[in-house]
C-alpha atoms as a PDB file:
ATOM      1  CA  MET A   1      62.499 192.422 -22.680  1.00  0.00           C
ATOM      2  CA  ARG A   2      65.023 194.907 -21.301  1.00  0.00           C
ATOM      3  CA  ILE A   3      67.488 196.762 -23.523  1.00  0.00           C
ATOM      4  CA  ILE A   4      70.375 194.879 -21.949  1.00  0.00           C
ATOM      5  CA  GLU A   5      68.813 191.506 -22.846  1.00  0.00           C
ATOM      6  CA  ILE A   6      68.206 192.554 -26.471  1.00  0.00           C
ATOM      7  CA  LEU A   7      71.781 193.770 -26.868  1.00  0.00           C
ATOM      8  CA  TYR A   8      73.089 190.570 -25.317  1.00  0.00           C
ATOM      9  CA  ILE A   9      71.177 188.407 -27.806  1.00  0.00           C
ATOM     10  CA  GLN A  10      72.232 190.549 -30.776  1.00  0.00           C
ATOM     11  CA  PHE A  11      75.853 190.574 -29.641  1.00  0.00           C
ATOM     12  CA  HIS A  12      75.940 186.829 -28.994  1.00  0.00           C
ATOM     13  CA  LEU A  13      74.101 185.745 -32.144  1.00  0.00           C
ATOM     14  CA  GLY A  14      75.691 188.282 -34.437  1.00  0.00           C
ATOM     15  CA  GLY A  15      79.265 187.382 -33.607  1.00  0.00           C
ATOM     16  CA  ASN A  16      81.417 184.350 -34.091  1.00  0.00           C
ATOM     17  CA  MET A  17      79.626 181.487 -32.367  1.00  0.00           C
ATOM     18  CA  ASP A  18      82.947 179.754 -31.809  1.00  0.00           C
ATOM     19  CA  SER A  19      84.050 182.660 -29.645  1.00  0.00           C
ATOM     20  CA  LYS A  20      82.594 182.201 -26.184  1.00  0.00           C
ATOM     21  CA  ILE A  21      81.453 185.234 -24.220  1.00  0.00           C
ATOM     22  CA  THR A  22      79.731 184.948 -20.882  1.00  0.00           C
ATOM     23  CA  ARG A  23      76.779 187.054 -19.859  1.00  0.00           C
ATOM     24  CA  ARG A  24      78.927 188.680 -17.172  1.00  0.00           C
ATOM     25  CA  ASP A  25      81.679 189.541 -19.703  1.00  0.00           C
ATOM     26  CA  PHE A  26      79.117 191.043 -22.022  1.00  0.00           C
ATOM     27  CA  LEU A  27      77.520 193.128 -19.295  1.00  0.00           C
ATOM     28  CA  LYS A  28      80.862 194.520 -18.190  1.00  0.00           C
ATOM     29  CA  LYS A  29      81.698 195.537 -21.768  1.00  0.00           C
ATOM     30  CA  SER A  30      78.241 196.832 -22.619  1.00  0.00           C
ATOM     31  CA  THR A  31      78.178 199.574 -19.990  1.00  0.00           C
ATOM     32  CA  HIS A  32      80.421 201.616 -22.250  1.00  0.00           C
ATOM     33  CA  ILE A  33      78.710 200.981 -25.614  1.00  0.00           C
ATOM     34  CA  GLY A  34      75.494 202.863 -25.124  1.00  0.00           C
ATOM     35  CA  VAL A  35      73.525 200.811 -22.654  1.00  0.00           C
ATOM     36  CA  ALA A  36      71.130 203.187 -20.914  1.00  0.00           C
ATOM     37  CA  SER A  37      69.026 203.181 -17.780  1.00  0.00           C
ATOM     38  CA  THR A  38      65.603 204.747 -17.537  1.00  0.00           C
ATOM     39  CA  LEU A  39      64.660 205.568 -13.972  1.00  0.00           C
ATOM     40  CA  GLY A  40      62.105 208.117 -12.826  1.00  0.00           C
ATOM     41  CA  GLY A  41      61.989 209.545 -16.364  1.00  0.00           C
ATOM     42  CA  SER A  42      65.743 210.136 -16.694  1.00  0.00           C
ATOM     43  CA  ILE A  43      68.169 208.332 -18.968  1.00  0.00           C
ATOM     44  CA  LEU A  44      71.697 208.054 -17.627  1.00  0.00           C
ATOM     45  CA  SER A  45      74.082 206.249 -19.979  1.00  0.00           C
ATOM     46  CA  GLY A  46      76.021 203.426 -18.440  1.00  0.00           C
ATOM     47  CA  LEU A  47      74.158 203.354 -15.124  1.00  0.00           C
ATOM     48  CA  LEU A  48      72.091 200.243 -15.673  1.00  0.00           C
ATOM     49  CA  ARG A  49      73.120 198.127 -12.721  1.00  0.00           C
ATOM     50  CA  ASP A  50      72.659 194.400 -13.133  1.00  0.00           C
ATOM     51  CA  PRO A  51      73.236 191.853 -10.356  1.00  0.00           C
ATOM     52  CA  TYR A  52      75.816 190.174 -12.579  1.00  0.00           C
ATOM     53  CA  LEU A  53      77.736 193.436 -12.749  1.00  0.00           C
ATOM     54  CA  HIS A  54      77.547 195.311  -9.498  1.00  0.00           C
ATOM     55  CA  ALA A  55      78.367 193.010  -6.631  1.00  0.00           C
ATOM     56  CA  SER A  56      80.460 190.129  -5.466  1.00  0.00           C
ATOM     57  CA  PRO A  57      78.312 187.049  -4.779  1.00  0.00           C
ATOM     58  CA  GLY A  58      77.031 186.964  -1.233  1.00  0.00           C
ATOM     59  CA  VAL A  59      77.756 190.605  -0.326  1.00  0.00           C
ATOM     60  CA  ASP A  60      75.211 193.436  -0.343  1.00  0.00           C
ATOM     61  CA  ILE A  61      76.925 195.740   2.137  1.00  0.00           C
ATOM     62  CA  ALA A  62      80.703 195.723   2.628  1.00  0.00           C
ATOM     63  CA  VAL A  63      82.231 197.268   5.737  1.00  0.00           C
ATOM     64  CA  ALA A  64      85.891 197.883   6.534  1.00  0.00           C
ATOM     65  CA  LYS A  65      86.852 199.020  10.030  1.00  0.00           C
ATOM     66  CA  GLY A  66      90.144 200.666  10.889  1.00  0.00           C
ATOM     67  CA  ALA A  67      92.067 203.916  11.250  1.00  0.00           C
ATOM     68  CA  ASP A  68      93.679 203.751   7.790  1.00  0.00           C
ATOM     69  CA  TYR A  69      90.898 205.267   5.702  1.00  0.00           C
ATOM     70  CA  ILE A  70      92.630 204.842   2.353  1.00  0.00           C
ATOM     71  CA  GLU A  71      93.186 201.141   2.946  1.00  0.00           C
ATOM     72  CA  GLY A  72      89.710 200.768   4.415  1.00  0.00           C
ATOM     73  CA  THR A  73      88.066 202.270   1.344  1.00  0.00           C
ATOM     74  CA  GLY A  74      89.956 199.875  -0.877  1.00  0.00           C
ATOM     75  CA  LYS A  75      89.093 196.860   1.266  1.00  0.00           C
ATOM     76  CA  ALA A  76      85.394 197.734   1.362  1.00  0.00           C
ATOM     77  CA  VAL A  77      85.233 197.965  -2.435  1.00  0.00           C
ATOM     78  CA  GLU A  78      87.273 194.753  -2.755  1.00  0.00           C
ATOM     79  CA  LEU A  79      84.587 192.918  -0.782  1.00  0.00           C
ATOM     80  CA  LEU A  80      82.152 193.903  -3.538  1.00  0.00           C
ATOM     81  CA  GLY A  81      84.421 192.461  -6.215  1.00  0.00           C
ATOM     82  CA  GLY A  82      86.647 195.487  -6.824  1.00  0.00           C
ATOM     83  CA  MET A  83      86.200 198.776  -8.641  1.00  0.00           C
ATOM     84  CA  THR A  84      86.358 197.077 -12.052  1.00  0.00           C
ATOM     85  CA  ASN A  85      82.893 195.724 -11.275  1.00  0.00           C
ATOM     86  CA  PHE A  86      81.641 199.307 -11.400  1.00  0.00           C
ATOM     87  CA  VAL A  87      84.003 201.257 -13.641  1.00  0.00           C
ATOM     88  CA  SER A  88      84.765 200.133 -17.189  1.00  0.00           C
ATOM     89  CA  LYS A  89      87.889 201.144 -19.077  1.00  0.00           C
ATOM     90  CA  GLY A  90      87.412 204.570 -20.623  1.00  0.00           C
ATOM     91  CA  ALA A  91      84.394 205.437 -18.465  1.00  0.00           C
ATOM     92  CA  LYS A  92      83.735 208.905 -17.124  1.00  0.00           C
ATOM     93  CA  VAL A  93      83.010 208.832 -13.403  1.00  0.00           C
ATOM     94  CA  ALA A  94      81.074 211.376 -11.345  1.00  0.00           C
ATOM     95  CA  ILE A  95      81.580 211.387  -7.577  1.00  0.00           C
ATOM     96  CA  LEU A  96      79.514 213.261  -4.986  1.00  0.00           C
ATOM     97  CA  PRO A  97      81.229 213.738  -1.603  1.00  0.00           C
ATOM     98  CA  ASN A  98      79.644 215.786   1.196  1.00  0.00           C
ATOM     99  CA  THR A  99      81.549 218.962   2.071  1.00  0.00           C
ATOM    100  CA  GLN A 100      78.958 221.074   3.863  1.00  0.00           C
ATOM    101  CA  ARG A 101      81.208 222.348   6.651  1.00  0.00           C
ATOM    102  CA  ASN A 102      84.768 221.857   7.875  1.00  0.00           C
ATOM    103  CA  ASN A 103      83.801 220.889  11.424  1.00  0.00           C
ATOM    104  CA  PRO A 104      84.995 217.405  12.489  1.00  0.00           C
ATOM    105  CA  GLY A 105      82.548 214.689  11.492  1.00  0.00           C
ATOM    106  CA  ALA A 106      80.577 216.921   9.123  1.00  0.00           C
ATOM    107  CA  PHE A 107      82.240 216.134   5.769  1.00  0.00           C
ATOM    108  CA  THR A 108      83.477 213.145   3.784  1.00  0.00           C
ATOM    109  CA  LYS A 109      87.110 212.420   4.659  1.00  0.00           C
ATOM    110  CA  PRO A 110      89.640 213.462   1.980  1.00  0.00           C
ATOM    111  CA  GLU A 111      91.394 210.089   2.359  1.00  0.00           C
ATOM    112  CA  ILE A 112      88.214 208.262   1.309  1.00  0.00           C
ATOM    113  CA  VAL A 113      87.868 210.514  -1.734  1.00  0.00           C
ATOM    114  CA  ARG A 114      91.543 210.005  -2.625  1.00  0.00           C
ATOM    115  CA  ALA A 115      91.220 206.240  -2.442  1.00  0.00           C
ATOM    116  CA  THR A 116      88.091 206.245  -4.567  1.00  0.00           C
ATOM    117  CA  ILE A 117      89.657 208.381  -7.290  1.00  0.00           C
ATOM    118  CA  ARG A 118      92.743 206.152  -7.347  1.00  0.00           C
ATOM    119  CA  MET A 119      90.637 203.004  -7.692  1.00  0.00           C
ATOM    120  CA  CYS A 120      88.612 204.544 -10.525  1.00  0.00           C
ATOM    121  CA  LYS A 121      91.772 205.459 -12.402  1.00  0.00           C
ATOM    122  CA  GLU A 122      93.287 202.036 -11.812  1.00  0.00           C
ATOM    123  CA  ALA A 123      90.094 200.514 -13.241  1.00  0.00           C
ATOM    124  CA  GLY A 124      90.664 202.552 -16.402  1.00  0.00           C
ATOM    125  CA  ALA A 125      88.423 205.584 -15.945  1.00  0.00           C
ATOM    126  CA  SER A 126      89.180 208.288 -18.496  1.00  0.00           C
ATOM    127  CA  GLU A 127      87.904 211.029 -16.167  1.00  0.00           C
ATOM    128  CA  VAL A 128      86.827 211.432 -12.570  1.00  0.00           C
ATOM    129  CA  ASN A 129      84.637 214.469 -11.977  1.00  0.00           C
ATOM    130  CA  CYS A 130      83.770 215.663  -8.492  1.00  0.00           C
ATOM    131  CA  LEU A 131      80.427 217.477  -8.734  1.00  0.00           C
ATOM    132  CA  SER A 132      79.143 220.154  -6.379  1.00  0.00           C
ATOM    133  CA  TRP A 133      77.153 223.357  -6.175  1.00  0.00           C
ATOM    134  CA  LEU A 134      79.034 224.434  -3.038  1.00  0.00           C
ATOM    135  CA  PRO A 135      81.707 227.161  -3.413  1.00  0.00           C
ATOM    136  CA  ARG A 136      85.380 226.355  -3.769  1.00  0.00           C
ATOM    137  CA  LYS A 137      86.156 227.688  -0.285  1.00  0.00           C
ATOM    138  CA  ALA A 138      84.109 224.806   1.177  1.00  0.00           C
ATOM    139  CA  TRP A 139      86.278 222.326  -0.699  1.00  0.00           C
ATOM    140  CA  GLU A 140      89.497 224.039   0.298  1.00  0.00           C
ATOM    141  CA  SER A 141      88.626 224.371   3.985  1.00  0.00           C
ATOM    142  CA  THR A 142      87.895 220.637   4.296  1.00  0.00           C
ATOM    143  CA  GLY A 143      90.986 219.521   2.377  1.00  0.00           C
ATOM    144  CA  LEU A 144      88.800 217.935  -0.266  1.00  0.00           C
ATOM    145  CA  ALA A 145      89.889 220.284  -3.080  1.00  0.00           C
ATOM    146  CA  ALA A 146      93.495 219.198  -2.590  1.00  0.00           C
ATOM    147  CA  ALA A 147      92.515 215.522  -2.498  1.00  0.00           C
ATOM    148  CA  VAL A 148      90.517 215.806  -5.726  1.00  0.00           C
ATOM    149  CA  GLU A 149      93.069 217.789  -7.677  1.00  0.00           C
ATOM    150  CA  GLU A 150      96.211 216.050  -6.420  1.00  0.00           C
ATOM    151  CA  GLU A 151      94.725 212.727  -7.510  1.00  0.00           C
ATOM    152  CA  GLY A 152      94.133 214.078 -11.024  1.00  0.00           C
ATOM    153  CA  ALA A 153      90.350 214.439 -10.819  1.00  0.00           C
ATOM    154  CA  ASN A 154      88.296 217.470 -11.810  1.00  0.00           C
ATOM    155  CA  LEU A 155      86.465 219.661  -9.311  1.00  0.00           C
ATOM    156  CA  SER A 156      83.359 220.653 -11.249  1.00  0.00           C
ATOM    157  CA  LEU A 157      81.502 223.434  -9.449  1.00  0.00           C
ATOM    158  CA  VAL A 158      77.994 224.165 -10.717  1.00  0.00           C
ATOM    159  CA  ASP A 159      76.098 227.366  -9.898  1.00  0.00           C
ATOM    160  CA  MET A 160      73.361 226.330  -7.467  1.00  0.00           C
ATOM    161  CA  LYS A 161      70.967 229.019  -8.727  1.00  0.00           C
ATOM    162  CA  ASP A 162      71.429 228.843 -12.514  1.00  0.00           C
ATOM    163  CA  GLU A 163      68.503 226.707 -13.650  1.00  0.00           C
ATOM    164  CA  SER A 164      69.916 226.404 -17.179  1.00  0.00           C
ATOM    165  CA  LEU A 165      72.638 224.133 -15.746  1.00  0.00           C
ATOM    166  CA  TYR A 166      70.089 221.604 -14.462  1.00  0.00           C
ATOM    167  CA  LYS A 167      67.995 218.994 -16.229  1.00  0.00           C
ATOM    168  CA  ALA A 168      64.318 218.610 -15.385  1.00  0.00           C
ATOM    169  CA  VAL A 169      63.607 214.989 -14.450  1.00  0.00           C
ATOM    170  CA  PRO A 170      59.909 214.083 -14.113  1.00  0.00           C
ATOM    171  CA  LEU A 171      59.082 211.876 -11.130  1.00  0.00           C
ATOM    172  CA  PRO A 172      55.717 210.280 -11.943  1.00  0.00           C
ATOM    173  CA  LYS A 173      55.920 208.061  -8.851  1.00  0.00           C
ATOM    174  CA  GLY A 174      56.837 210.947  -6.567  1.00  0.00           C
ATOM    175  CA  LYS A 175      54.326 211.686  -3.826  1.00  0.00           C
ATOM    176  CA  ALA A 176      55.538 215.108  -2.674  1.00  0.00           C
ATOM    177  CA  LEU A 177      58.055 215.932  -5.401  1.00  0.00           C
ATOM    178  CA  LYS A 178      56.922 215.571  -8.999  1.00  0.00           C
ATOM    179  CA  GLU A 179      60.019 216.908 -10.724  1.00  0.00           C
ATOM    180  CA  ALA A 180      63.689 216.980  -9.820  1.00  0.00           C
ATOM    181  CA  LYS A 181      66.218 219.301 -11.417  1.00  0.00           C
ATOM    182  CA  ILE A 182      69.519 217.460 -11.541  1.00  0.00           C
ATOM    183  CA  MET A 183      72.749 219.129 -12.621  1.00  0.00           C
ATOM    184  CA  LYS A 184      73.352 218.418 -16.291  1.00  0.00           C
ATOM    185  CA  ALA A 185      77.019 217.684 -15.636  1.00  0.00           C
ATOM    186  CA  LEU A 186      76.015 214.375 -14.024  1.00  0.00           C
ATOM    187  CA  PHE A 187      74.533 213.135 -17.293  1.00  0.00           C
ATOM    188  CA  GLU A 188      77.854 213.626 -19.067  1.00  0.00           C
ATOM    189  CA  ASN A 189      79.266 210.727 -17.041  1.00  0.00           C
ATOM    190  CA  ASP A 190      78.910 206.958 -17.334  1.00  0.00           C
ATOM    191  CA  VAL A 191      79.258 206.107 -13.643  1.00  0.00           C
ATOM    192  CA  PHE A 192      77.903 207.804 -10.518  1.00  0.00           C
ATOM    193  CA  ILE A 193      79.460 207.165  -7.100  1.00  0.00           C
ATOM    194  CA  ASP A 194      77.543 208.615  -4.148  1.00  0.00           C
ATOM    195  CA  MET A 195      79.994 209.486  -1.320  1.00  0.00           C
ATOM    196  CA  PRO A 196      78.239 210.926   1.739  1.00  0.00           C
ATOM    197  CA  ILE A 197      79.149 211.022   5.381  1.00  0.00           C
ATOM    198  CA  THR A 198      76.494 209.581   7.668  1.00  0.00           C
ATOM    199  CA  LYS A 199      75.579 212.084  10.407  1.00  0.00           C
ATOM    200  CA  ASP A 200      72.928 213.935  12.376  1.00  0.00           C
ATOM    201  CA  HIS A 201      70.489 216.349  10.747  1.00  0.00           C
ATOM    202  CA  ILE A 202      68.471 218.985  12.573  1.00  0.00           C
ATOM    203  CA  GLY A 203      65.398 218.172  10.508  1.00  0.00           C
ATOM    204  CA  ASN A 204      64.975 214.451  10.008  1.00  0.00           C
ATOM    205  CA  LYS A 205      67.717 213.300  12.433  1.00  0.00           C
ATOM    206  CA  PHE A 206      69.676 211.320   9.823  1.00  0.00           C
ATOM    207  CA  THR A 207      71.567 212.011   6.622  1.00  0.00           C
ATOM    208  CA  GLY A 208      73.340 209.481   4.407  1.00  0.00           C
ATOM    209  CA  THR A 209      73.295 208.181   0.845  1.00  0.00           C
ATOM    210  CA  MET A 210      69.801 209.380  -0.018  1.00  0.00           C
ATOM    211  CA  LYS A 211      69.903 212.848   1.488  1.00  0.00           C
ATOM    212  CA  ASN A 212      73.242 213.414  -0.249  1.00  0.00           C
ATOM    213  CA  TYR A 213      71.257 213.567  -3.500  1.00  0.00           C
ATOM    214  CA  MET A 214      70.209 217.095  -2.553  1.00  0.00           C
ATOM    215  CA  GLY A 215      73.752 218.016  -3.592  1.00  0.00           C
ATOM    216  CA  LEU A 216      72.762 217.260  -7.190  1.00  0.00           C
ATOM    217  CA  ASN A 217      69.469 219.132  -7.138  1.00  0.00           C
ATOM    218  CA  LEU A 218      68.759 222.796  -7.946  1.00  0.00           C
ATOM    219  CA  GLN A 219      68.742 224.900  -4.780  1.00  0.00           C
ATOM    220  CA  ALA A 220      65.300 226.350  -5.530  1.00  0.00           C
ATOM    221  CA  VAL A 221      63.820 222.835  -5.591  1.00  0.00           C
ATOM    222  CA  ASN A 222      65.658 221.900  -2.403  1.00  0.00           C
ATOM    223  CA  MET A 223      64.088 224.902  -0.686  1.00  0.00           C
ATOM    224  CA  PHE A 224      60.686 223.291  -1.291  1.00  0.00           C
ATOM    225  CA  PHE A 225      61.863 220.365   0.830  1.00  0.00           C
ATOM    226  CA  HIS A 226      62.389 222.720   3.782  1.00  0.00           C
ATOM    227  CA  THR A 227      59.257 224.844   3.480  1.00  0.00           C
ATOM    228  CA  GLY A 228      58.013 224.044   6.991  1.00  0.00           C
ATOM    229  CA  LYS A 229      61.221 224.811   8.934  1.00  0.00           C
ATOM    230  CA  PHE A 230      60.429 221.723  11.080  1.00  0.00           C
ATOM    231  CA  LYS A 231      57.906 223.505  13.301  1.00  0.00           C
ATOM    232  CA  GLU A 232      54.774 221.630  12.275  1.00  0.00           C
ATOM    233  CA  PRO A 233      54.003 217.893  12.648  1.00  0.00           C
ATOM    234  CA  ASP A 234      54.089 217.325   8.889  1.00  0.00           C
ATOM    235  CA  ASP A 235      57.377 219.158   8.244  1.00  0.00           C
ATOM    236  CA  ILE A 236      59.715 216.189   8.712  1.00  0.00           C
ATOM    237  CA  PRO A 237      57.481 213.721   6.804  1.00  0.00           C
ATOM    238  CA  HIS A 238      57.360 216.252   3.959  1.00  0.00           C
ATOM    239  CA  LEU A 239      61.156 216.616   3.896  1.00  0.00           C
ATOM    240  CA  ASP A 240      61.687 212.876   4.059  1.00  0.00           C
ATOM    241  CA  GLN A 241      59.119 212.155   1.351  1.00  0.00           C
ATOM    242  CA  CYS A 242      60.776 214.724  -0.923  1.00  0.00           C
ATOM    243  CA  ILE A 243      64.161 213.041  -0.414  1.00  0.00           C
ATOM    244  CA  ALA A 244      62.711 209.593  -1.133  1.00  0.00           C
ATOM    245  CA  ASP A 245      61.051 210.998  -4.258  1.00  0.00           C
ATOM    246  CA  LEU A 246      64.281 212.700  -5.379  1.00  0.00           C
ATOM    247  CA  ASN A 247      66.045 209.349  -5.240  1.00  0.00           C
ATOM    248  CA  LEU A 248      63.760 208.102  -8.018  1.00  0.00           C
ATOM    249  CA  ALA A 249      65.580 210.423 -10.429  1.00  0.00           C
ATOM    250  CA  VAL A 250      68.940 208.654 -10.707  1.00  0.00           C
ATOM    251  CA  LYS A 251      70.327 205.325  -9.552  1.00  0.00           C
ATOM    252  CA  PRO A 252      73.895 205.279  -8.216  1.00  0.00           C
ATOM    253  CA  THR A 253      76.456 202.873  -9.589  1.00  0.00           C
ATOM    254  CA  LEU A 254      78.052 202.580  -6.160  1.00  0.00           C
ATOM    255  CA  CYS A 255      77.805 204.163  -2.711  1.00  0.00           C
ATOM    256  CA  ILE A 256      80.837 204.643  -0.468  1.00  0.00           C
ATOM    257  CA  VAL A 257      79.906 206.061   2.927  1.00  0.00           C
ATOM    258  CA  ASP A 258      82.153 207.708   5.499  1.00  0.00           C
ATOM    259  CA  ALA A 259      81.139 206.262   8.861  1.00  0.00           C
ATOM    260  CA  THR A 260      84.582 206.692  10.383  1.00  0.00           C
ATOM    261  CA  GLU A 261      83.667 209.569  12.705  1.00  0.00           C
ATOM    262  CA  PHE A 262      80.575 211.738  12.467  1.00  0.00           C
ATOM    263  CA  ILE A 263      78.438 214.176  14.406  1.00  0.00           C
ATOM    264  CA  THR A 264      75.428 212.775  16.263  1.00  0.00           C
ATOM    265  CA  THR A 265      74.223 216.209  17.422  1.00  0.00           C
ATOM    266  CA  ASN A 266      73.947 219.680  15.875  1.00  0.00           C
ATOM    267  CA  GLY A 267      73.936 218.335  12.331  1.00  0.00           C
ATOM    268  CA  PRO A 268      74.360 218.728   9.491  1.00  0.00           C
ATOM    269  CA  PHE A 269      76.987 221.424  10.051  1.00  0.00           C
ATOM    270  CA  GLY A 270      78.299 220.845  13.581  1.00  0.00           C
ATOM    271  CA  PRO A 271      80.279 221.117  15.705  1.00  0.00           C
ATOM    272  CA  GLY A 272      78.636 218.317  17.614  1.00  0.00           C
ATOM    273  CA  LYS A 273      79.148 215.183  19.649  1.00  0.00           C
ATOM    274  CA  LEU A 274      81.209 212.655  17.710  1.00  0.00           C
ATOM    275  CA  ALA A 275      80.686 208.931  17.202  1.00  0.00           C
ATOM    276  CA  LYS A 276      83.776 207.053  15.979  1.00  0.00           C
ATOM    277  CA  PRO A 277      82.917 203.622  14.566  1.00  0.00           C
ATOM    278  CA  LEU A 278      85.933 203.896  12.194  1.00  0.00           C
ATOM    279  CA  LYS A 279      83.891 202.226   9.439  1.00  0.00           C
ATOM    280  CA  ILE A 280      83.699 202.685   5.681  1.00  0.00           C
ATOM    281  CA  VAL A 281      80.526 201.250   4.191  1.00  0.00           C
ATOM    282  CA  ALA A 282      80.090 200.347   0.523  1.00  0.00           C
ATOM    283  CA  GLY A 283      77.284 198.895  -1.564  1.00  0.00           C
ATOM    284  CA  VAL A 284      74.586 199.654  -4.096  1.00  0.00           C
ATOM    285  CA  ASP A 285      71.353 199.502  -2.064  1.00  0.00           C
ATOM    286  CA  ARG A 286      70.823 203.022  -0.679  1.00  0.00           C
ATOM    287  CA  VAL A 287      68.008 202.000   1.653  1.00  0.00           C
ATOM    288  CA  ALA A 288      69.943 199.115   3.186  1.00  0.00           C
ATOM    289  CA  ILE A 289      73.108 201.203   3.542  1.00  0.00           C
ATOM    290  CA  ASP A 290      71.268 204.036   5.282  1.00  0.00           C
ATOM    291  CA  ALA A 291      69.489 201.524   7.516  1.00  0.00           C
ATOM    292  CA  TYR A 292      72.853 200.012   8.464  1.00  0.00           C
ATOM    293  CA  CYS A 293      74.504 203.379   9.078  1.00  0.00           C
ATOM    294  CA  CYS A 294      71.781 204.807  11.307  1.00  0.00           C
ATOM    295  CA  GLN A 295      72.129 201.774  13.571  1.00  0.00           C
ATOM    296  CA  LEU A 296      75.783 202.697  14.139  1.00  0.00           C
ATOM    297  CA  TRP A 297      74.612 205.375  16.527  1.00  0.00           C
ATOM    298  CA  GLY A 298      71.551 203.769  18.018  1.00  0.00           C
ATOM    299  CA  LEU A 299      68.864 204.875  15.571  1.00  0.00           C
ATOM    300  CA  ASN A 300      66.133 202.503  14.396  1.00  0.00           C
ATOM    301  CA  PRO A 301      65.754 202.688  10.593  1.00  0.00           C
ATOM    302  CA  GLN A 302      62.027 202.012  10.996  1.00  0.00           C
ATOM    303  CA  ASN A 303      61.821 205.376  12.786  1.00  0.00           C
ATOM    304  CA  ILE A 304      63.500 207.308   9.977  1.00  0.00           C
ATOM    305  CA  ILE A 305      60.658 208.294   7.659  1.00  0.00           C
ATOM    306  CA  MET A 306      62.961 208.879   4.686  1.00  0.00           C
ATOM    307  CA  ILE A 307      64.236 205.298   4.832  1.00  0.00           C
ATOM    308  CA  LYS A 308      60.722 203.872   5.153  1.00  0.00           C
ATOM    309  CA  ARG A 309      59.398 205.959   2.264  1.00  0.00           C
ATOM    310  CA  ALA A 310      62.303 204.981   0.012  1.00  0.00           C
ATOM    311  CA  HIS A 311      61.673 201.337   0.848  1.00  0.00           C
ATOM    312  CA  GLU A 312      58.021 201.841  -0.101  1.00  0.00           C
ATOM    313  CA  HIS A 313      59.218 203.255  -3.431  1.00  0.00           C
ATOM    314  CA  GLY A 314      61.071 199.982  -4.017  1.00  0.00           C
ATOM    315  CA  LEU A 315      64.492 201.625  -3.854  1.00  0.00           C
ATOM    316  CA  GLY A 316      65.966 199.074  -1.476  1.00  0.00           C
ATOM    317  CA  GLU A 317      65.657 196.799   1.535  1.00  0.00           C
ATOM    318  CA  ILE A 318      64.996 198.232   5.005  1.00  0.00           C
ATOM    319  CA  ASP A 319      65.146 194.896   6.848  1.00  0.00           C
ATOM    320  CA  LEU A 320      68.819 194.218   7.499  1.00  0.00           C
ATOM    321  CA  LYS A 321      68.028 190.588   8.305  1.00  0.00           C
ATOM    322  CA  LYS A 322      67.438 190.180   4.577  1.00  0.00           C
ATOM    323  CA  VAL A 323      70.712 191.868   3.626  1.00  0.00           C
ATOM    324  CA  LYS A 324      74.065 190.120   3.287  1.00  0.00           C
ATOM    325  CA  ILE A 325      76.619 192.178   5.224  1.00  0.00           C
ATOM    326  CA  LYS A 326      80.323 191.388   5.327  1.00  0.00           C
ATOM    327  CA  GLU A 327      82.609 193.224   7.749  1.00  0.00           C
ATOM    328  CA  ILE A 328      86.379 193.111   8.119  1.00  0.00           C
ATOM    329  CA  SER A 329      88.876 194.852  10.380  1.00  0.00           C
ATOM    330  CA  ILE A 330      92.131 196.235   8.998  1.00  0.00           C
END
């Protein structure tokens, strides 16, 4: 029996039986009273995602299309039941945008980050912490530093080379990567929101929710992912397997993906040719979200090794025919 089930029984039987509490009500309250998730050897308080808690009935992937990115972010999350389905009152929230380079279509839009921080605060978050091992100049040049700080969130920059700031997370199911080293600051939060931009990558052609996890991992471990420099036949499968393995370390509470405009060539840094679907994509299933996003620019998810390997790990659904997608225009 899972921890959540035991706590539910104790809570329900130990209290006043005349006071009715639904399973959903209990789950929403319990995320902030010590419920823990064990995944790939790591324990991340508050990140146990239950189907009663994390999604609106009938929606796995929510998509909002339009030029108003703040409104679009809000609408996409609304389709999943609203931010209160993910953030409990008093929770500490970690967010992970992508800010690799300030070229158009190479970084998560500041408006999407602003909207997400606002929704977290409206849901009652006590803190919102934007995590990164990239230098402050990267955040300033993209406008993301201003978005984070003007909305009252914290920009928490972690030294990418200081191993003492990272927690070793064993990955017993990993095939290429047997241990991740995730920044310790993440584990001081109750909620983790993954916020990538979908775009081209010189190595494996596609980056999205799962590859964004490299922004949590110690640089020295990430270098192992790129050992082949993409010159040998096994280089891309090795990179993609490492990314799939890394995603065993921590489960996100929510993913919000910038698919508004993004580079389809010369990634991940750009400049490159731009696609402009004007879409913001939200959900919990990383595999399904990445599969959806790569189709926005004509890629077949079955041809992206990372997505296939993550599906084989049981991290999500690759077949979009089995996924409930709801799209709206704003």
